[in-house]
Structure formats: C-alpha cells, structure tokens
Amino acid sequence: MELKVTRWNRPEPPTQSELVRALEAEGLAAYIEDDEPNHSYEAHTHPNDEVLVAVLGEITMGVGDQKWVLKPGDRLDLPANTLHWAETPSTGPIRLLGASLGDEYDPTRADRSEATRAHP
C-alpha cells in the first residue's frame, strides 16, 4: 500500500452504508471510530496497512510535513508503520470508518471489536 488521499468526488455527501459497502467490496471489515471535538492523537504507528474514511465532520491527519483535512467520503490509505497524527476541530462530533488490511476480527482490540463493527 502507498500513502494516498482519495477525495470524495460526488456533489452529495456519502452515507455510512455506502462507505461500508465500498470497503467491504475491497474485502475490508470497517469499524466505527467516533471522536469528540478538540481531540488529538500524538504521532503513532500501526503494524498493518490502515484505511481511514471520514463519515461525519472533519479531521486533520498528518504524516511528516504533509497534512490533510478529511471531510465526509475522503479516504486516507496509510502503509504499515507510517508515523502519523490526527486532530479534530472544535466544531461537532467526528466519525471515521477504519479498516486494517489483513486484519481479522479481533475481540482483544478495543477500537476494533464487534461492538464497533460497521454494517451497511
């Protein structure tokens, strides 16, 4: 996987179901990640390739000297072990769909459990 941002290219915003179906068509299991306003994630990595898709609100994601504001439907592909950070703005709640390439359902991972699994 290469580091890539794909922007939503339709005039109407996507539905969560539409985004989940798109990820499932790629063989990915989507998990809901909800965030509050004014939240930040310090620079960190994940051991697997990650896909993040904005569903609601906006989130700023950064890698090195690059940063992107993801809006509903925008997608960020993060290769495994890529050091990245995130910040949410002060306005409204944020919802992302997250998926890891090669990940199976793992009940021991708090942010990726059956309780947070997204369904169309």
N, C-alpha and C. Protein backbone atom coordinates (compact mmCIF):
# COMPACT_ATOMS: atom_id res chain seq x y z
N MET A 1 0.85 -1.18 0.00
CA MET A 1 0.00 0.00 0.00
C MET A 1 0.89 1.23 0.00
N GLU A 2 0.45 2.25 -0.73
CA GLU A 2 1.18 3.52 -0.70
C GLU A 2 0.35 4.57 0.02
N LEU A 3 1.03 5.56 0.60
CA LEU A 3 0.36 6.67 1.27
C LEU A 3 -0.43 7.44 0.23
N LYS A 4 -1.76 7.56 0.45
CA LYS A 4 -2.59 8.19 -0.57
C LYS A 4 -3.86 8.75 0.06
N VAL A 5 -4.27 9.93 -0.40
CA VAL A 5 -5.55 10.52 -0.03
C VAL A 5 -6.43 10.51 -1.27
N THR A 6 -7.64 10.00 -1.10
CA THR A 6 -8.62 9.99 -2.19
C THR A 6 -9.81 10.84 -1.73
N ARG A 7 -10.10 11.88 -2.49
CA ARG A 7 -11.19 12.80 -2.15
C ARG A 7 -12.52 12.30 -2.69
N TRP A 8 -13.59 12.53 -1.91
CA TRP A 8 -14.94 12.21 -2.36
C TRP A 8 -15.25 13.11 -3.55
N ASN A 9 -15.72 12.53 -4.64
CA ASN A 9 -15.85 13.32 -5.86
C ASN A 9 -17.29 13.49 -6.35
N ARG A 10 -18.24 13.26 -5.49
CA ARG A 10 -19.64 13.48 -5.88
C ARG A 10 -20.20 14.67 -5.13
N PRO A 11 -21.19 15.34 -5.70
CA PRO A 11 -21.73 16.54 -5.03
C PRO A 11 -22.49 16.24 -3.74
N GLU A 12 -23.16 15.09 -3.68
CA GLU A 12 -23.89 14.76 -2.46
C GLU A 12 -22.98 13.99 -1.50
N PRO A 13 -23.12 14.25 -0.19
CA PRO A 13 -22.27 13.54 0.76
C PRO A 13 -22.63 12.04 0.80
N PRO A 14 -21.67 11.21 1.14
CA PRO A 14 -21.93 9.77 1.18
C PRO A 14 -22.69 9.39 2.44
N THR A 15 -23.37 8.25 2.37
CA THR A 15 -23.96 7.68 3.58
C THR A 15 -22.95 6.71 4.18
N GLN A 16 -23.09 6.46 5.46
CA GLN A 16 -22.20 5.49 6.11
C GLN A 16 -22.34 4.13 5.44
N SER A 17 -23.57 3.72 5.14
CA SER A 17 -23.79 2.42 4.50
C SER A 17 -23.06 2.32 3.16
N GLU A 18 -23.09 3.38 2.40
CA GLU A 18 -22.41 3.41 1.10
C GLU A 18 -20.90 3.22 1.29
N LEU A 19 -20.34 3.90 2.27
CA LEU A 19 -18.90 3.80 2.53
C LEU A 19 -18.53 2.41 3.04
N VAL A 20 -19.36 1.84 3.91
CA VAL A 20 -19.10 0.49 4.43
C VAL A 20 -19.12 -0.51 3.28
N ARG A 21 -20.12 -0.41 2.42
CA ARG A 21 -20.20 -1.33 1.27
C ARG A 21 -18.97 -1.22 0.37
N ALA A 22 -18.48 0.00 0.17
CA ALA A 22 -17.28 0.19 -0.66
C ALA A 22 -16.07 -0.50 -0.04
N LEU A 23 -15.91 -0.37 1.28
CA LEU A 23 -14.79 -1.04 1.96
C LEU A 23 -14.96 -2.56 1.90
N GLU A 24 -16.18 -3.03 2.13
CA GLU A 24 -16.42 -4.47 2.08
C GLU A 24 -16.15 -5.03 0.69
N ALA A 25 -16.41 -4.25 -0.35
CA ALA A 25 -16.14 -4.69 -1.72
C ALA A 25 -14.64 -4.91 -1.94
N GLU A 26 -13.82 -4.26 -1.12
CA GLU A 26 -12.37 -4.45 -1.18
C GLU A 26 -11.90 -5.56 -0.24
N GLY A 27 -12.85 -6.22 0.41
CA GLY A 27 -12.51 -7.28 1.35
C GLY A 27 -12.12 -6.78 2.73
N LEU A 28 -12.49 -5.53 3.05
CA LEU A 28 -12.14 -4.93 4.34
C LEU A 28 -13.33 -4.92 5.28
N ALA A 29 -13.06 -5.16 6.55
CA ALA A 29 -14.08 -5.03 7.59
C ALA A 29 -13.94 -3.63 8.19
N ALA A 30 -15.01 -2.86 8.15
CA ALA A 30 -14.98 -1.48 8.63
C ALA A 30 -15.42 -1.41 10.09
N TYR A 31 -14.75 -0.55 10.84
CA TYR A 31 -15.06 -0.32 12.24
C TYR A 31 -15.30 1.16 12.46
N ILE A 32 -16.27 1.47 13.31
CA ILE A 32 -16.63 2.86 13.59
C ILE A 32 -15.66 3.43 14.62
N GLU A 33 -15.16 4.62 14.33
CA GLU A 33 -14.29 5.34 15.25
C GLU A 33 -14.90 6.72 15.46
N ASP A 34 -15.50 6.95 16.62
CA ASP A 34 -16.10 8.25 16.94
C ASP A 34 -15.14 9.07 17.79
N ASP A 35 -15.06 10.35 17.49
CA ASP A 35 -14.21 11.27 18.25
C ASP A 35 -15.00 12.50 18.63
N GLU A 36 -14.56 13.13 19.69
CA GLU A 36 -15.14 14.38 20.16
C GLU A 36 -14.36 15.54 19.57
N PRO A 37 -14.94 16.73 19.59
CA PRO A 37 -14.19 17.92 19.15
C PRO A 37 -12.97 18.17 20.03
N ASN A 38 -11.99 18.85 19.48
CA ASN A 38 -10.77 19.23 20.21
C ASN A 38 -9.99 18.04 20.76
N HIS A 39 -9.91 16.98 20.01
CA HIS A 39 -9.17 15.80 20.43
C HIS A 39 -7.93 15.66 19.54
N SER A 40 -6.85 15.20 20.11
CA SER A 40 -5.66 14.99 19.27
C SER A 40 -5.03 13.64 19.59
N TYR A 41 -4.42 13.08 18.58
CA TYR A 41 -3.68 11.83 18.71
C TYR A 41 -2.22 12.14 18.41
N GLU A 42 -1.37 11.88 19.37
CA GLU A 42 0.07 12.08 19.17
C GLU A 42 0.55 11.16 18.05
N ALA A 43 1.70 11.46 17.51
CA ALA A 43 2.27 10.64 16.44
C ALA A 43 2.39 9.20 16.91
N HIS A 44 1.92 8.29 16.06
CA HIS A 44 1.94 6.86 16.38
C HIS A 44 1.94 6.06 15.08
N THR A 45 2.09 4.76 15.20
CA THR A 45 2.07 3.87 14.04
C THR A 45 1.10 2.72 14.30
N HIS A 46 0.81 1.97 13.24
CA HIS A 46 0.02 0.74 13.33
C HIS A 46 0.81 -0.35 12.60
N PRO A 47 0.76 -1.60 13.07
CA PRO A 47 1.55 -2.66 12.44
C PRO A 47 1.02 -3.12 11.08
N ASN A 48 -0.23 -2.79 10.77
CA ASN A 48 -0.82 -3.20 9.49
C ASN A 48 -1.14 -1.97 8.64
N ASP A 49 -1.30 -2.19 7.34
CA ASP A 49 -1.82 -1.13 6.48
C ASP A 49 -3.19 -0.72 7.00
N GLU A 50 -3.46 0.59 7.01
CA GLU A 50 -4.72 1.11 7.53
C GLU A 50 -5.44 1.92 6.46
N VAL A 51 -6.76 1.86 6.48
CA VAL A 51 -7.61 2.69 5.64
C VAL A 51 -8.54 3.45 6.57
N LEU A 52 -8.59 4.77 6.43
CA LEU A 52 -9.49 5.62 7.22
C LEU A 52 -10.37 6.40 6.26
N VAL A 53 -11.68 6.40 6.52
CA VAL A 53 -12.64 7.12 5.68
C VAL A 53 -13.49 8.00 6.58
N ALA A 54 -13.55 9.28 6.28
CA ALA A 54 -14.38 10.21 7.06
C ALA A 54 -15.85 9.99 6.71
N VAL A 55 -16.69 9.95 7.76
CA VAL A 55 -18.13 9.78 7.59
C VAL A 55 -18.87 11.05 7.99
N LEU A 56 -18.46 11.65 9.11
CA LEU A 56 -19.15 12.81 9.67
C LEU A 56 -18.10 13.78 10.21
N GLY A 57 -18.29 15.07 9.96
CA GLY A 57 -17.36 16.08 10.46
C GLY A 57 -16.06 16.10 9.67
N GLU A 58 -15.04 16.69 10.28
CA GLU A 58 -13.73 16.79 9.65
C GLU A 58 -12.65 16.38 10.65
N ILE A 59 -11.55 15.86 10.12
CA ILE A 59 -10.40 15.52 10.95
C ILE A 59 -9.15 15.85 10.14
N THR A 60 -8.15 16.40 10.81
CA THR A 60 -6.87 16.69 10.16
C THR A 60 -5.92 15.54 10.48
N MET A 61 -5.34 14.97 9.44
CA MET A 61 -4.39 13.87 9.58
C MET A 61 -3.05 14.36 9.04
N GLY A 62 -1.97 13.93 9.67
CA GLY A 62 -0.66 14.35 9.22
C GLY A 62 0.35 13.22 9.19
N VAL A 63 1.26 13.31 8.23
CA VAL A 63 2.39 12.39 8.09
C VAL A 63 3.58 13.25 7.69
N GLY A 64 4.61 13.27 8.52
CA GLY A 64 5.78 14.10 8.22
C GLY A 64 5.37 15.55 8.06
N ASP A 65 5.76 16.17 6.95
CA ASP A 65 5.41 17.58 6.72
C ASP A 65 4.13 17.73 5.89
N GLN A 66 3.42 16.62 5.67
CA GLN A 66 2.16 16.66 4.92
C GLN A 66 0.99 16.59 5.89
N LYS A 67 -0.09 17.33 5.58
CA LYS A 67 -1.31 17.18 6.37
C LYS A 67 -2.52 17.38 5.46
N TRP A 68 -3.61 16.72 5.84
CA TRP A 68 -4.82 16.74 5.05
C TRP A 68 -6.02 16.89 5.97
N VAL A 69 -7.01 17.65 5.53
CA VAL A 69 -8.29 17.71 6.23
C VAL A 69 -9.22 16.76 5.51
N LEU A 70 -9.62 15.70 6.21
CA LEU A 70 -10.54 14.73 5.63
C LEU A 70 -11.97 15.15 5.96
N LYS A 71 -12.80 15.20 4.93
CA LYS A 71 -14.22 15.53 5.05
C LYS A 71 -15.01 14.29 4.64
N PRO A 72 -16.32 14.26 4.87
CA PRO A 72 -17.10 13.05 4.56
C PRO A 72 -16.82 12.49 3.17
N GLY A 73 -16.48 11.20 3.17
CA GLY A 73 -16.17 10.47 1.94
C GLY A 73 -14.71 10.43 1.60
N ASP A 74 -13.89 11.33 2.16
CA ASP A 74 -12.45 11.32 1.89
C ASP A 74 -11.80 10.12 2.56
N ARG A 75 -10.77 9.61 1.91
CA ARG A 75 -10.11 8.38 2.37
C ARG A 75 -8.60 8.59 2.46
N LEU A 76 -8.02 8.06 3.52
CA LEU A 76 -6.57 8.07 3.69
C LEU A 76 -6.09 6.63 3.78
N ASP A 77 -5.17 6.25 2.90
CA ASP A 77 -4.52 4.95 2.96
C ASP A 77 -3.16 5.14 3.61
N LEU A 78 -2.94 4.43 4.71
CA LEU A 78 -1.68 4.55 5.47
C LEU A 78 -0.93 3.22 5.44
N PRO A 79 0.25 3.18 4.86
CA PRO A 79 1.04 1.95 4.91
C PRO A 79 1.41 1.58 6.35
N ALA A 80 1.61 0.30 6.58
CA ALA A 80 2.02 -0.17 7.91
C ALA A 80 3.22 0.61 8.41
N ASN A 81 3.23 0.87 9.70
CA ASN A 81 4.34 1.52 10.40
C ASN A 81 4.61 2.96 9.95
N THR A 82 3.61 3.62 9.36
CA THR A 82 3.75 5.03 8.98
C THR A 82 3.45 5.89 10.21
N LEU A 83 4.39 6.71 10.60
CA LEU A 83 4.20 7.61 11.74
C LEU A 83 3.21 8.69 11.33
N HIS A 84 2.08 8.79 12.04
CA HIS A 84 1.04 9.76 11.69
C HIS A 84 0.39 10.30 12.96
N TRP A 85 -0.31 11.43 12.81
CA TRP A 85 -1.01 12.07 13.93
C TRP A 85 -2.36 12.56 13.42
N ALA A 86 -3.22 12.95 14.37
CA ALA A 86 -4.55 13.44 13.98
C ALA A 86 -5.05 14.46 14.99
N GLU A 87 -5.88 15.39 14.50
CA GLU A 87 -6.53 16.39 15.36
C GLU A 87 -7.95 16.60 14.86
N THR A 88 -8.88 16.76 15.79
CA THR A 88 -10.24 17.09 15.42
C THR A 88 -10.47 18.56 15.71
N PRO A 89 -11.28 19.24 14.88
CA PRO A 89 -11.55 20.66 15.12
C PRO A 89 -12.51 20.84 16.29
N SER A 90 -12.80 22.08 16.59
CA SER A 90 -13.65 22.38 17.74
C SER A 90 -15.14 22.30 17.44
N THR A 91 -15.49 22.02 16.21
CA THR A 91 -16.90 22.02 15.85
C THR A 91 -17.43 20.61 15.61
N GLY A 92 -18.35 20.18 16.42
CA GLY A 92 -19.11 18.96 16.21
C GLY A 92 -18.36 17.66 16.32
N PRO A 93 -19.13 16.57 16.38
CA PRO A 93 -18.56 15.23 16.50
C PRO A 93 -17.92 14.78 15.19
N ILE A 94 -17.07 13.78 15.30
CA ILE A 94 -16.33 13.23 14.17
C ILE A 94 -16.61 11.73 14.13
N ARG A 95 -16.82 11.20 12.94
CA ARG A 95 -16.93 9.74 12.77
C ARG A 95 -16.08 9.33 11.59
N LEU A 96 -15.27 8.31 11.82
CA LEU A 96 -14.46 7.69 10.77
C LEU A 96 -14.82 6.22 10.67
N LEU A 97 -14.55 5.65 9.52
CA LEU A 97 -14.53 4.21 9.38
C LEU A 97 -13.08 3.82 9.26
N GLY A 98 -12.66 2.84 10.03
CA GLY A 98 -11.29 2.36 9.97
C GLY A 98 -11.26 0.90 9.58
N ALA A 99 -10.24 0.53 8.82
CA ALA A 99 -10.05 -0.86 8.43
C ALA A 99 -8.56 -1.12 8.30
N SER A 100 -8.15 -2.32 8.67
CA SER A 100 -6.76 -2.72 8.53
C SER A 100 -6.67 -3.83 7.51
N LEU A 101 -5.77 -3.70 6.57
CA LEU A 101 -5.56 -4.76 5.59
C LEU A 101 -4.97 -5.98 6.29
N GLY A 102 -5.55 -7.11 6.03
CA GLY A 102 -5.05 -8.33 6.63
C GLY A 102 -5.56 -8.58 8.03
N ASP A 103 -6.34 -7.65 8.57
CA ASP A 103 -6.89 -7.82 9.92
C ASP A 103 -8.09 -8.75 9.89
N GLU A 104 -8.14 -9.65 10.80
CA GLU A 104 -9.33 -10.44 11.04
C GLU A 104 -10.02 -9.81 12.24
N TYR A 105 -11.27 -10.17 12.47
CA TYR A 105 -11.97 -9.69 13.66
C TYR A 105 -11.13 -10.07 14.88
N ASP A 106 -10.85 -9.13 15.75
CA ASP A 106 -10.02 -9.35 16.92
C ASP A 106 -10.71 -8.78 18.15
N PRO A 107 -11.33 -9.63 18.97
CA PRO A 107 -12.07 -9.13 20.13
C PRO A 107 -11.18 -8.51 21.20
N THR A 108 -9.87 -8.67 21.11
CA THR A 108 -8.98 -8.09 22.12
C THR A 108 -8.59 -6.66 21.79
N ARG A 109 -8.89 -6.18 20.59
CA ARG A 109 -8.53 -4.81 20.20
C ARG A 109 -9.73 -3.91 20.47
N ALA A 110 -9.60 -3.02 21.45
CA ALA A 110 -10.72 -2.22 21.94
C ALA A 110 -11.38 -1.39 20.85
N ASP A 111 -10.60 -0.83 19.93
CA ASP A 111 -11.20 0.03 18.90
C ASP A 111 -11.69 -0.75 17.70
N ARG A 112 -11.48 -2.05 17.68
CA ARG A 112 -11.93 -2.88 16.58
C ARG A 112 -12.58 -4.13 17.14
N SER A 113 -13.77 -3.98 17.72
CA SER A 113 -14.49 -5.10 18.31
C SER A 113 -15.83 -5.26 17.62
N GLU A 114 -16.54 -6.31 17.92
CA GLU A 114 -17.86 -6.49 17.33
C GLU A 114 -18.78 -5.32 17.66
N ALA A 115 -18.57 -4.69 18.81
CA ALA A 115 -19.40 -3.54 19.21
C ALA A 115 -19.17 -2.33 18.30
N THR A 116 -18.00 -2.22 17.70
CA THR A 116 -17.70 -1.07 16.84
C THR A 116 -17.71 -1.44 15.36
N ARG A 117 -18.05 -2.68 15.05
CA ARG A 117 -18.09 -3.12 13.64
C ARG A 117 -19.20 -2.36 12.91
N ALA A 118 -18.89 -1.83 11.74
CA ALA A 118 -19.86 -1.10 10.93
C ALA A 118 -20.54 -2.06 9.96
N HIS A 119 -21.84 -1.91 9.82
CA HIS A 119 -22.61 -2.73 8.89
C HIS A 119 -23.36 -1.81 7.94
N PRO A 120 -23.53 -2.24 6.68
CA PRO A 120 -24.24 -1.36 5.72
C PRO A 120 -25.70 -1.12 6.12
